[in-house]
Amino acid sequence: MALKKSLQTDGDSTDAVSPSHSSPGRLGSMQHQAHSESEIARRRAAEKRVDEALARLDAELYGYCAKCGDAIEDTRLERDPAIILCAKCGGEQQ
């Protein structure tokens, strides 16, 4: 829940950029817009992963691999609480 809250509040502080910090001209505006859109997409994806982890928690499936059903290692869950695969199934990709 804390991770989800931080994703939501971090987005509030990056929405507005003062003119003194933005790049001048059209190219700067386009770059800023592209960066903002990618940041929004990244936040939405992270929020979705957290929501899915919370749903697994409610279903008593949290901490178990979505592929093989074995327990996910504590170190992996500490590094990424929304992880869904154990080391055997996910390797270091996730």
PDB file of N, CA and C in Angstrom:
ATOM      1  N   MET A   1       0.829  -1.186   0.000  1.00  0.00           N
ATOM      2  CA  MET A   1       0.000   0.000   0.000  1.00  0.00           C
ATOM      3  C   MET A   1       0.876   1.254   0.000  1.00  0.00           C
ATOM      4  N   ALA A   2       1.988   1.223   0.732  1.00  0.00           N
ATOM      5  CA  ALA A   2       2.888   2.377   0.780  1.00  0.00           C
ATOM      6  C   ALA A   2       3.489   2.633  -0.598  1.00  0.00           C
ATOM      7  N   LEU A   3       3.839   1.558  -1.318  1.00  0.00           N
ATOM      8  CA  LEU A   3       4.382   1.699  -2.663  1.00  0.00           C
ATOM      9  C   LEU A   3       3.358   2.342  -3.582  1.00  0.00           C
ATOM     10  N   LYS A   4       2.123   1.899  -3.499  1.00  0.00           N
ATOM     11  CA  LYS A   4       1.064   2.470  -4.328  1.00  0.00           C
ATOM     12  C   LYS A   4       0.873   3.947  -4.005  1.00  0.00           C
ATOM     13  N   LYS A   5       0.860   4.291  -2.727  1.00  0.00           N
ATOM     14  CA  LYS A   5       0.688   5.679  -2.309  1.00  0.00           C
ATOM     15  C   LYS A   5       1.831   6.551  -2.827  1.00  0.00           C
ATOM     16  N   SER A   6       3.057   6.036  -2.757  1.00  0.00           N
ATOM     17  CA  SER A   6       4.196   6.825  -3.233  1.00  0.00           C
ATOM     18  C   SER A   6       4.131   7.040  -4.737  1.00  0.00           C
ATOM     19  N   LEU A   7       3.636   6.066  -5.482  1.00  0.00           N
ATOM     20  CA  LEU A   7       3.479   6.240  -6.924  1.00  0.00           C
ATOM     21  C   LEU A   7       2.464   7.332  -7.232  1.00  0.00           C
ATOM     22  N   GLN A   8       1.413   7.374  -6.447  1.00  0.00           N
ATOM     23  CA  GLN A   8       0.372   8.368  -6.669  1.00  0.00           C
ATOM     24  C   GLN A   8       0.844   9.761  -6.274  1.00  0.00           C
ATOM     25  N   THR A   9       1.544   9.908  -5.160  1.00  0.00           N
ATOM     26  CA  THR A   9       1.969  11.233  -4.717  1.00  0.00           C
ATOM     27  C   THR A   9       3.159  11.740  -5.499  1.00  0.00           C
ATOM     28  N   ASP A  10       4.050  10.857  -5.970  1.00  0.00           N
ATOM     29  CA  ASP A  10       5.179  11.297  -6.783  1.00  0.00           C
ATOM     30  C   ASP A  10       4.708  11.912  -8.086  1.00  0.00           C
ATOM     31  N   GLY A  11       3.626  11.434  -8.628  1.00  0.00           N
ATOM     32  CA  GLY A  11       3.092  11.977  -9.872  1.00  0.00           C
ATOM     33  C   GLY A  11       2.597  13.390  -9.714  1.00  0.00           C
ATOM     34  N   ASP A  12       2.123  13.742  -8.521  1.00  0.00           N
ATOM     35  CA  ASP A  12       1.626  15.086  -8.286  1.00  0.00           C
ATOM     36  C   ASP A  12       2.723  16.128  -8.402  1.00  0.00           C
ATOM     37  N   SER A  13       3.935  15.802  -7.979  1.00  0.00           N
ATOM     38  CA  SER A  13       5.004  16.789  -7.959  1.00  0.00           C
ATOM     39  C   SER A  13       5.662  16.966  -9.315  1.00  0.00           C
ATOM     40  N   THR A  14       5.451  16.050 -10.260  1.00  0.00           N
ATOM     41  CA  THR A  14       6.107  16.169 -11.558  1.00  0.00           C
ATOM     42  C   THR A  14       5.171  16.653 -12.644  1.00  0.00           C
ATOM     43  N   ASP A  15       3.914  16.904 -12.301  1.00  0.00           N
ATOM     44  CA  ASP A  15       2.965  17.329 -13.316  1.00  0.00           C
ATOM     45  C   ASP A  15       3.229  18.734 -13.835  1.00  0.00           C
ATOM     46  N   ALA A  16       3.584  19.620 -12.962  1.00  0.00           N
ATOM     47  CA  ALA A  16       3.794  21.002 -13.366  1.00  0.00           C
ATOM     48  C   ALA A  16       5.277  21.306 -13.385  1.00  0.00           C
ATOM     49  N   VAL A  17       5.729  21.947 -14.456  1.00  0.00           N
ATOM     50  CA  VAL A  17       7.118  22.336 -14.593  1.00  0.00           C
ATOM     51  C   VAL A  17       7.149  23.830 -14.807  1.00  0.00           C
ATOM     52  N   SER A  18       7.964  24.512 -14.026  1.00  0.00           N
ATOM     53  CA  SER A  18       8.024  25.956 -14.169  1.00  0.00           C
ATOM     54  C   SER A  18       8.740  26.314 -15.459  1.00  0.00           C
ATOM     55  N   PRO A  19       8.406  27.446 -16.065  1.00  0.00           N
ATOM     56  CA  PRO A  19       9.027  27.843 -17.317  1.00  0.00           C
ATOM     57  C   PRO A  19      10.539  27.964 -17.212  1.00  0.00           C
ATOM     58  N   SER A  20      11.066  28.313 -16.054  1.00  0.00           N
ATOM     59  CA  SER A  20      12.514  28.466 -15.915  1.00  0.00           C
ATOM     60  C   SER A  20      13.253  27.135 -16.020  1.00  0.00           C
ATOM     61  N   HIS A  21      12.539  26.016 -15.821  1.00  0.00           N
ATOM     62  CA  HIS A  21      13.164  24.705 -15.886  1.00  0.00           C
ATOM     63  C   HIS A  21      12.885  23.977 -17.193  1.00  0.00           C
ATOM     64  N   SER A  22      12.060  24.512 -18.032  1.00  0.00           N
ATOM     65  CA  SER A  22      11.737  23.830 -19.281  1.00  0.00           C
ATOM     66  C   SER A  22      12.666  24.305 -20.385  1.00  0.00           C
ATOM     67  N   SER A  23      12.844  23.461 -21.388  1.00  0.00           N
ATOM     68  CA  SER A  23      13.687  23.808 -22.520  1.00  0.00           C
ATOM     69  C   SER A  23      12.975  24.811 -23.408  1.00  0.00           C
ATOM     70  N   PRO A  24      13.691  25.793 -23.939  1.00  0.00           N
ATOM     71  CA  PRO A  24      13.053  26.800 -24.788  1.00  0.00           C
ATOM     72  C   PRO A  24      12.700  26.234 -26.159  1.00  0.00           C
ATOM     73  N   GLY A  25      11.686  26.797 -26.745  1.00  0.00           N
ATOM     74  CA  GLY A  25      11.334  26.466 -28.120  1.00  0.00           C
ATOM     75  C   GLY A  25      10.489  25.226 -28.260  1.00  0.00           C
ATOM     76  N   ARG A  26      10.142  25.002 -29.519  1.00  0.00           N
ATOM     77  CA  ARG A  26       9.243  23.898 -29.842  1.00  0.00           C
ATOM     78  C   ARG A  26       9.867  22.536 -29.569  1.00  0.00           C
ATOM     79  N   LEU A  27      11.140  22.369 -29.916  1.00  0.00           N
ATOM     80  CA  LEU A  27      11.806  21.085 -29.699  1.00  0.00           C
ATOM     81  C   LEU A  27      11.820  20.741 -28.208  1.00  0.00           C
ATOM     82  N   GLY A  28      12.113  21.725 -27.382  1.00  0.00           N
ATOM     83  CA  GLY A  28      12.117  21.501 -25.949  1.00  0.00           C
ATOM     84  C   GLY A  28      10.747  21.109 -25.442  1.00  0.00           C
ATOM     85  N   SER A  29       9.712  21.749 -25.961  1.00  0.00           N
ATOM     86  CA  SER A  29       8.346  21.426 -25.563  1.00  0.00           C
ATOM     87  C   SER A  29       7.976  20.008 -25.970  1.00  0.00           C
ATOM     88  N   MET A  30       8.370  19.623 -27.172  1.00  0.00           N
ATOM     89  CA  MET A  30       8.068  18.266 -27.649  1.00  0.00           C
ATOM     90  C   MET A  30       8.810  17.233 -26.816  1.00  0.00           C
ATOM     91  N   GLN A  31      10.061  17.521 -26.454  1.00  0.00           N
ATOM     92  CA  GLN A  31      10.833  16.592 -25.639  1.00  0.00           C
ATOM     93  C   GLN A  31      10.212  16.478 -24.252  1.00  0.00           C
ATOM     94  N   HIS A  32       9.803  17.614 -23.700  1.00  0.00           N
ATOM     95  CA  HIS A  32       9.171  17.601 -22.382  1.00  0.00           C
ATOM     96  C   HIS A  32       7.873  16.792 -22.412  1.00  0.00           C
ATOM     97  N   GLN A  33       7.080  16.985 -23.463  1.00  0.00           N
ATOM     98  CA  GLN A  33       5.808  16.262 -23.588  1.00  0.00           C
ATOM     99  C   GLN A  33       6.063  14.760 -23.704  1.00  0.00           C
ATOM    100  N   ALA A  34       7.034  14.363 -24.511  1.00  0.00           N
ATOM    101  CA  ALA A  34       7.355  12.935 -24.669  1.00  0.00           C
ATOM    102  C   ALA A  34       7.825  12.343 -23.342  1.00  0.00           C
ATOM    103  N   HIS A  35       8.647  13.102 -22.617  1.00  0.00           N
ATOM    104  CA  HIS A  35       9.118  12.626 -21.318  1.00  0.00           C
ATOM    105  C   HIS A  35       7.943  12.484 -20.351  1.00  0.00           C
ATOM    106  N   SER A  36       7.058  13.462 -20.336  1.00  0.00           N
ATOM    107  CA  SER A  36       5.898  13.420 -19.444  1.00  0.00           C
ATOM    108  C   SER A  36       5.006  12.230 -19.754  1.00  0.00           C
ATOM    109  N   GLU A  37       4.768  11.983 -21.038  1.00  0.00           N
ATOM    110  CA  GLU A  37       3.922  10.857 -21.432  1.00  0.00           C
ATOM    111  C   GLU A  37       4.554   9.528 -21.038  1.00  0.00           C
ATOM    112  N   SER A  38       5.862   9.400 -21.209  1.00  0.00           N
ATOM    113  CA  SER A  38       6.519   8.142 -20.827  1.00  0.00           C
ATOM    114  C   SER A  38       6.518   7.976 -19.316  1.00  0.00           C
ATOM    115  N   GLU A  39       6.646   9.065 -18.583  1.00  0.00           N
ATOM    116  CA  GLU A  39       6.599   8.999 -17.121  1.00  0.00           C
ATOM    117  C   GLU A  39       5.207   8.586 -16.650  1.00  0.00           C
ATOM    118  N   ILE A  40       4.171   9.118 -17.267  1.00  0.00           N
ATOM    119  CA  ILE A  40       2.793   8.750 -16.929  1.00  0.00           C
ATOM    120  C   ILE A  40       2.556   7.268 -17.218  1.00  0.00           C
ATOM    121  N   ALA A  41       3.027   6.802 -18.362  1.00  0.00           N
ATOM    122  CA  ALA A  41       2.866   5.391 -18.722  1.00  0.00           C
ATOM    123  C   ALA A  41       3.615   4.496 -17.733  1.00  0.00           C
ATOM    124  N   ARG A  42       4.815   4.915 -17.329  1.00  0.00           N
ATOM    125  CA  ARG A  42       5.598   4.129 -16.370  1.00  0.00           C
ATOM    126  C   ARG A  42       4.868   4.050 -15.030  1.00  0.00           C
ATOM    127  N   ARG A  43       4.323   5.163 -14.580  1.00  0.00           N
ATOM    128  CA  ARG A  43       3.592   5.185 -13.305  1.00  0.00           C
ATOM    129  C   ARG A  43       2.335   4.319 -13.368  1.00  0.00           C
ATOM    130  N   ARG A  44       1.629   4.388 -14.472  1.00  0.00           N
ATOM    131  CA  ARG A  44       0.412   3.574 -14.615  1.00  0.00           C
ATOM    132  C   ARG A  44       0.751   2.082 -14.586  1.00  0.00           C
ATOM    133  N   ALA A  45       1.831   1.710 -15.265  1.00  0.00           N
ATOM    134  CA  ALA A  45       2.251   0.306 -15.277  1.00  0.00           C
ATOM    135  C   ALA A  45       2.653  -0.140 -13.866  1.00  0.00           C
ATOM    136  N   ALA A  46       3.360   0.718 -13.149  1.00  0.00           N
ATOM    137  CA  ALA A  46       3.766   0.376 -11.782  1.00  0.00           C
ATOM    138  C   ALA A  46       2.544   0.259 -10.871  1.00  0.00           C
ATOM    139  N   GLU A  47       1.598   1.170 -11.005  1.00  0.00           N
ATOM    140  CA  GLU A  47       0.369   1.096 -10.196  1.00  0.00           C
ATOM    141  C   GLU A  47      -0.415  -0.175 -10.506  1.00  0.00           C
ATOM    142  N   LYS A  48      -0.439  -0.564 -11.778  1.00  0.00           N
ATOM    143  CA  LYS A  48      -1.142  -1.788 -12.170  1.00  0.00           C
ATOM    144  C   LYS A  48      -0.487  -3.007 -11.523  1.00  0.00           C
ATOM    145  N   ARG A  49       0.852  -3.035 -11.505  1.00  0.00           N
ATOM    146  CA  ARG A  49       1.561  -4.150 -10.871  1.00  0.00           C
ATOM    147  C   ARG A  49       1.250  -4.224  -9.377  1.00  0.00           C
ATOM    148  N   VAL A  50       1.175  -3.059  -8.727  1.00  0.00           N
ATOM    149  CA  VAL A  50       0.861  -3.028  -7.295  1.00  0.00           C
ATOM    150  C   VAL A  50      -0.569  -3.505  -7.068  1.00  0.00           C
ATOM    151  N   ASP A  51      -1.502  -3.044  -7.897  1.00  0.00           N
ATOM    152  CA  ASP A  51      -2.899  -3.494  -7.771  1.00  0.00           C
ATOM    153  C   ASP A  51      -3.003  -5.007  -7.949  1.00  0.00           C
ATOM    154  N   GLU A  52      -2.256  -5.549  -8.905  1.00  0.00           N
ATOM    155  CA  GLU A  52      -2.275  -6.990  -9.126  1.00  0.00           C
ATOM    156  C   GLU A  52      -1.682  -7.741  -7.929  1.00  0.00           C
ATOM    157  N   ALA A  53      -0.628  -7.185  -7.319  1.00  0.00           N
ATOM    158  CA  ALA A  53      -0.039  -7.800  -6.129  1.00  0.00           C
ATOM    159  C   ALA A  53      -1.038  -7.786  -4.974  1.00  0.00           C
ATOM    160  N   LEU A  54      -1.769  -6.684  -4.825  1.00  0.00           N
ATOM    161  CA  LEU A  54      -2.782  -6.606  -3.769  1.00  0.00           C
ATOM    162  C   LEU A  54      -3.908  -7.611  -4.014  1.00  0.00           C
ATOM    163  N   ALA A  55      -4.269  -7.816  -5.271  1.00  0.00           N
ATOM    164  CA  ALA A  55      -5.300  -8.813  -5.595  1.00  0.00           C
ATOM    165  C   ALA A  55      -4.798 -10.211  -5.264  1.00  0.00           C
ATOM    166  N   ARG A  56      -3.503 -10.498  -5.548  1.00  0.00           N
ATOM    167  CA  ARG A  56      -2.935 -11.805  -5.189  1.00  0.00           C
ATOM    168  C   ARG A  56      -2.917 -11.981  -3.672  1.00  0.00           C
ATOM    169  N   LEU A  57      -2.662 -10.895  -2.948  1.00  0.00           N
ATOM    170  CA  LEU A  57      -2.678 -10.952  -1.489  1.00  0.00           C
ATOM    171  C   LEU A  57      -4.072 -11.307  -0.994  1.00  0.00           C
ATOM    172  N   ASP A  58      -5.103 -10.656  -1.538  1.00  0.00           N
ATOM    173  CA  ASP A  58      -6.486 -10.957  -1.162  1.00  0.00           C
ATOM    174  C   ASP A  58      -6.862 -12.401  -1.480  1.00  0.00           C
ATOM    175  N   ALA A  59      -6.323 -12.927  -2.570  1.00  0.00           N
ATOM    176  CA  ALA A  59      -6.629 -14.299  -2.993  1.00  0.00           C
ATOM    177  C   ALA A  59      -5.710 -15.327  -2.319  1.00  0.00           C
ATOM    178  N   GLU A  60      -4.875 -14.854  -1.393  1.00  0.00           N
ATOM    179  CA  GLU A  60      -3.913 -15.705  -0.688  1.00  0.00           C
ATOM    180  C   GLU A  60      -2.933 -16.392  -1.635  1.00  0.00           C
ATOM    181  N   LEU A  61      -2.593 -15.690  -2.730  1.00  0.00           N
ATOM    182  CA  LEU A  61      -1.627 -16.206  -3.697  1.00  0.00           C
ATOM    183  C   LEU A  61      -0.333 -15.397  -3.689  1.00  0.00           C
ATOM    184  N   TYR A  62      -0.300 -14.320  -2.905  1.00  0.00           N
ATOM    185  CA  TYR A  62       0.876 -13.461  -2.873  1.00  0.00           C
ATOM    186  C   TYR A  62       2.077 -14.232  -2.338  1.00  0.00           C
ATOM    187  N   GLY A  63       3.208 -14.044  -3.006  1.00  0.00           N
ATOM    188  CA  GLY A  63       4.440 -14.699  -2.579  1.00  0.00           C
ATOM    189  C   GLY A  63       4.668 -16.049  -3.231  1.00  0.00           C
ATOM    190  N   TYR A  64       3.738 -16.453  -4.082  1.00  0.00           N
ATOM    191  CA  TYR A  64       3.880 -17.714  -4.802  1.00  0.00           C
ATOM    192  C   TYR A  64       4.014 -17.439  -6.293  1.00  0.00           C
ATOM    193  N   CYS A  65       4.872 -18.197  -6.935  1.00  0.00           N
ATOM    194  CA  CYS A  65       5.158 -18.022  -8.356  1.00  0.00           C
ATOM    195  C   CYS A  65       3.909 -18.258  -9.203  1.00  0.00           C
ATOM    196  N   ALA A  66       3.649 -17.331 -10.123  1.00  0.00           N
ATOM    197  CA  ALA A  66       2.487 -17.446 -10.999  1.00  0.00           C
ATOM    198  C   ALA A  66       2.666 -18.554 -12.034  1.00  0.00           C
ATOM    199  N   LYS A  67       3.888 -19.016 -12.216  1.00  0.00           N
ATOM    200  CA  LYS A  67       4.138 -20.052 -13.224  1.00  0.00           C
ATOM    201  C   LYS A  67       4.175 -21.453 -12.614  1.00  0.00           C
ATOM    202  N   CYS A  68       4.987 -21.641 -11.563  1.00  0.00           N
ATOM    203  CA  CYS A  68       5.147 -23.001 -11.016  1.00  0.00           C
ATOM    204  C   CYS A  68       4.458 -23.201  -9.665  1.00  0.00           C
ATOM    205  N   GLY A  69       4.085 -22.112  -8.995  1.00  0.00           N
ATOM    206  CA  GLY A  69       3.401 -22.216  -7.718  1.00  0.00           C
ATOM    207  C   GLY A  69       4.308 -22.302  -6.504  1.00  0.00           C
ATOM    208  N   ASP A  70       5.623 -22.402  -6.709  1.00  0.00           N
ATOM    209  CA  ASP A  70       6.557 -22.429  -5.585  1.00  0.00           C
ATOM    210  C   ASP A  70       6.619 -21.055  -4.920  1.00  0.00           C
ATOM    211  N   ALA A  71       7.108 -21.029  -3.693  1.00  0.00           N
ATOM    212  CA  ALA A  71       7.273 -19.768  -2.976  1.00  0.00           C
ATOM    213  C   ALA A  71       8.335 -18.909  -3.658  1.00  0.00           C
ATOM    214  N   ILE A  72       8.048 -17.619  -3.752  1.00  0.00           N
ATOM    215  CA  ILE A  72       9.024 -16.668  -4.291  1.00  0.00           C
ATOM    216  C   ILE A  72       9.990 -16.321  -3.170  1.00  0.00           C
ATOM    217  N   GLU A  73      11.271 -16.265  -3.482  1.00  0.00           N
ATOM    218  CA  GLU A  73      12.306 -15.999  -2.500  1.00  0.00           C
ATOM    219  C   GLU A  73      12.088 -14.634  -1.843  1.00  0.00           C
ATOM    220  N   ASP A  74      12.328 -14.569  -0.526  1.00  0.00           N
ATOM    221  CA  ASP A  74      12.143 -13.327   0.221  1.00  0.00           C
ATOM    222  C   ASP A  74      12.966 -12.178  -0.362  1.00  0.00           C
ATOM    223  N   THR A  75      14.184 -12.485  -0.801  1.00  0.00           N
ATOM    224  CA  THR A  75      15.037 -11.418  -1.347  1.00  0.00           C
ATOM    225  C   THR A  75      14.422 -10.803  -2.602  1.00  0.00           C
ATOM    226  N   ARG A  76      13.767 -11.623  -3.415  1.00  0.00           N
ATOM    227  CA  ARG A  76      13.107 -11.102  -4.622  1.00  0.00           C
ATOM    228  C   ARG A  76      11.908 -10.237  -4.235  1.00  0.00           C
ATOM    229  N   LEU A  77      11.139 -10.687  -3.251  1.00  0.00           N
ATOM    230  CA  LEU A  77       9.975  -9.913  -2.811  1.00  0.00           C
ATOM    231  C   LEU A  77      10.392  -8.607  -2.140  1.00  0.00           C
ATOM    232  N   GLU A  78      11.515  -8.637  -1.416  1.00  0.00           N
ATOM    233  CA  GLU A  78      12.013  -7.400  -0.799  1.00  0.00           C
ATOM    234  C   GLU A  78      12.464  -6.411  -1.855  1.00  0.00           C
ATOM    235  N   ARG A  79      13.106  -6.907  -2.907  1.00  0.00           N
ATOM    236  CA  ARG A  79      13.589  -6.043  -3.989  1.00  0.00           C
ATOM    237  C   ARG A  79      12.429  -5.492  -4.802  1.00  0.00           C
ATOM    238  N   ASP A  80      11.410  -6.327  -5.041  1.00  0.00           N
ATOM    239  CA  ASP A  80      10.245  -5.916  -5.829  1.00  0.00           C
ATOM    240  C   ASP A  80       9.009  -6.605  -5.265  1.00  0.00           C
ATOM    241  N   PRO A  81       8.242  -5.916  -4.407  1.00  0.00           N
ATOM    242  CA  PRO A  81       7.079  -6.535  -3.769  1.00  0.00           C
ATOM    243  C   PRO A  81       5.991  -6.981  -4.751  1.00  0.00           C
ATOM    244  N   ALA A  82       6.029  -6.502  -5.979  1.00  0.00           N
ATOM    245  CA  ALA A  82       5.005  -6.870  -6.958  1.00  0.00           C
ATOM    246  C   ALA A  82       5.465  -7.985  -7.897  1.00  0.00           C
ATOM    247  N   ILE A  83       6.602  -8.582  -7.611  1.00  0.00           N
ATOM    248  CA  ILE A  83       7.140  -9.625  -8.489  1.00  0.00           C
ATOM    249  C   ILE A  83       6.213 -10.844  -8.481  1.00  0.00           C
ATOM    250  N   ILE A  84       6.099 -11.525  -9.613  1.00  0.00           N
ATOM    251  CA  ILE A  84       5.166 -12.654  -9.704  1.00  0.00           C
ATOM    252  C   ILE A  84       5.848 -13.988 -10.002  1.00  0.00           C
ATOM    253  N   LEU A  85       7.145 -13.977 -10.308  1.00  0.00           N
ATOM    254  CA  LEU A  85       7.842 -15.214 -10.653  1.00  0.00           C
ATOM    255  C   LEU A  85       8.992 -15.475  -9.700  1.00  0.00           C
ATOM    256  N   CYS A  86       9.227 -16.749  -9.388  1.00  0.00           N
ATOM    257  CA  CYS A  86      10.367 -17.142  -8.571  1.00  0.00           C
ATOM    258  C   CYS A  86      11.646 -17.029  -9.416  1.00  0.00           C
ATOM    259  N   ALA A  87      12.792 -17.203  -8.780  1.00  0.00           N
ATOM    260  CA  ALA A  87      14.070 -17.100  -9.486  1.00  0.00           C
ATOM    261  C   ALA A  87      14.183 -18.173 -10.576  1.00  0.00           C
ATOM    262  N   LYS A  88      13.672 -19.369 -10.299  1.00  0.00           N
ATOM    263  CA  LYS A  88      13.752 -20.465 -11.269  1.00  0.00           C
ATOM    264  C   LYS A  88      12.981 -20.134 -12.541  1.00  0.00           C
ATOM    265  N   CYS A  89      11.794 -19.559 -12.400  1.00  0.00           N
ATOM    266  CA  CYS A  89      10.946 -19.270 -13.562  1.00  0.00           C
ATOM    267  C   CYS A  89      11.236 -17.902 -14.198  1.00  0.00           C
ATOM    268  N   GLY A  90      11.630 -16.952 -13.371  1.00  0.00           N
ATOM    269  CA  GLY A  90      11.826 -15.598 -13.882  1.00  0.00           C
ATOM    270  C   GLY A  90      13.257 -15.185 -14.050  1.00  0.00           C
ATOM    271  N   GLY A  91      14.179 -15.951 -13.466  1.00  0.00           N
ATOM    272  CA  GLY A  91      15.571 -15.576 -13.532  1.00  0.00           C
ATOM    273  C   GLY A  91      15.755 -14.151 -13.037  1.00  0.00           C
ATOM    274  N   GLU A  92      16.653 -13.428 -13.620  1.00  0.00           N
ATOM    275  CA  GLU A  92      16.889 -12.034 -13.236  1.00  0.00           C
ATOM    276  C   GLU A  92      16.141 -11.071 -14.154  1.00  0.00           C
ATOM    277  N   GLN A  93      15.289 -11.589 -15.025  1.00  0.00           N
ATOM    278  CA  GLN A  93      14.550 -10.735 -15.963  1.00  0.00           C
ATOM    279  C   GLN A  93      13.514  -9.889 -15.257  1.00  0.00           C
ATOM    280  N   GLN A  94      13.034 -10.336 -14.124  1.00  0.00           N
ATOM    281  CA  GLN A  94      11.942  -9.607 -13.474  1.00  0.00           C
ATOM    282  C   GLN A  94      12.391  -8.977 -12.192  1.00  0.00           C
TER     283      GLN A  94
END
